[in-house]
Amino acid sequence: SVYDAIQHPCLEKLHCPEDEPTREPLDTSDFEFERRKITAAALREEIFREALLYHPALAAKFDQELRESGSCYDIHDYRLLVPGESQ
């Protein structure tokens, strides 16, 4: 583990417990798009939607426009990458 690695004697001079924050593992659903075979357009959509998280009013307007137009987008429509496969 990383915890064990930073305590290795080779890293002794770099090890500073007070300056080494720890946390629980990240929720992998936050990186769902990285596990899927997506197109350039889908990547743009993911980036756009991420940016909307910082602009709630625009996000609400965009969601309303999507509902009115009947459009839908779901990252789950793209297949998962197989182990060893790249984009």
Protein backbone atom coordinates (compact mmCIF):
# COMPACT_ATOMS: atom_id res chain seq x y z
CA SER A 1 0.00 0.00 0.00
CA VAL A 2 1.01 3.63 -0.28
CA TYR A 3 1.08 3.88 3.49
CA ASP A 4 3.66 1.09 3.64
CA ALA A 5 5.64 2.54 0.75
CA ILE A 6 6.14 5.96 2.34
CA GLN A 7 7.54 4.30 5.44
CA HIS A 8 10.21 2.47 3.44
CA PRO A 9 13.79 3.29 4.60
CA CYS A 10 14.64 4.74 1.17
CA LEU A 11 12.02 7.45 1.72
CA GLU A 12 12.89 8.15 5.33
CA LYS A 13 14.19 11.67 4.59
CA LEU A 14 11.01 12.52 2.67
CA HIS A 15 8.55 11.03 5.16
CA CYS A 16 6.71 13.63 7.25
CA PRO A 17 3.53 12.25 8.89
CA GLU A 18 2.26 15.75 9.73
CA ASP A 19 2.30 16.67 6.03
CA GLU A 20 0.81 13.46 4.59
CA PRO A 21 -2.96 13.68 4.56
CA THR A 22 -5.01 10.51 4.32
CA ARG A 23 -8.59 9.93 3.26
CA GLU A 24 -11.08 7.22 2.45
CA PRO A 25 -10.96 5.79 -1.09
CA LEU A 26 -12.63 7.90 -3.76
CA ASP A 27 -15.99 6.94 -5.18
CA THR A 28 -15.14 5.53 -8.60
CA SER A 29 -18.46 6.70 -10.04
CA ASP A 30 -16.91 10.18 -10.12
CA PHE A 31 -14.62 8.86 -12.86
CA GLU A 32 -17.17 6.81 -14.76
CA PHE A 33 -16.37 8.47 -18.09
CA GLU A 34 -12.75 7.30 -17.81
CA ARG A 35 -13.89 3.67 -17.77
CA ARG A 36 -16.01 3.91 -20.92
CA LYS A 37 -15.27 3.83 -24.64
CA ILE A 38 -16.51 7.31 -25.51
CA THR A 39 -16.39 9.62 -28.50
CA ALA A 40 -14.92 13.11 -28.62
CA ALA A 41 -18.47 14.49 -28.55
CA ALA A 42 -19.27 12.50 -25.40
CA LEU A 43 -16.10 13.78 -23.71
CA ARG A 44 -17.10 17.36 -24.57
CA GLU A 45 -20.54 16.67 -23.09
CA GLU A 46 -18.99 15.33 -19.87
CA ILE A 47 -16.73 18.40 -19.54
CA PHE A 48 -19.66 20.72 -20.25
CA ARG A 49 -21.80 19.02 -17.62
CA GLU A 50 -18.95 19.19 -15.10
CA ALA A 51 -18.65 22.94 -15.72
CA LEU A 52 -22.39 23.33 -15.12
CA LEU A 53 -21.89 22.09 -11.56
CA TYR A 54 -20.30 25.48 -10.84
CA HIS A 55 -23.22 27.41 -12.38
CA PRO A 56 -26.48 26.11 -10.85
CA ALA A 57 -28.71 28.65 -12.61
CA LEU A 58 -27.34 27.72 -16.03
CA ALA A 59 -27.57 24.02 -15.14
CA ALA A 60 -31.25 24.41 -14.28
CA LYS A 61 -31.88 26.24 -17.55
CA PHE A 62 -29.99 23.59 -19.52
CA ASP A 63 -31.90 20.76 -17.80
CA GLN A 64 -35.20 22.52 -18.59
CA GLU A 65 -34.22 22.88 -22.26
CA LEU A 66 -33.30 19.19 -22.41
CA ARG A 67 -36.66 18.18 -20.94
CA GLU A 68 -38.52 20.40 -23.40
CA SER A 69 -36.58 19.07 -26.39
CA GLY A 70 -36.87 15.44 -25.32
CA SER A 71 -33.09 15.01 -25.57
CA CYS A 72 -31.30 12.72 -23.21
CA TYR A 73 -27.69 11.85 -22.59
CA ASP A 74 -26.40 9.08 -20.37
CA ILE A 75 -22.75 8.13 -20.00
CA HIS A 76 -23.95 4.58 -19.29
CA ASP A 77 -24.96 4.27 -22.96
CA TYR A 78 -21.25 3.86 -23.75
CA ARG A 79 -19.71 0.45 -23.17
CA LEU A 80 -17.06 -0.19 -20.54
CA LEU A 81 -13.49 -0.55 -21.72
CA VAL A 82 -12.11 -4.07 -21.51
CA PRO A 83 -8.98 -4.50 -19.38
CA GLY A 84 -5.94 -3.29 -21.33
CA GLU A 85 -8.02 -1.41 -23.91
CA SER A 86 -7.36 2.29 -24.40
CA GLN A 87 -9.48 5.06 -25.82
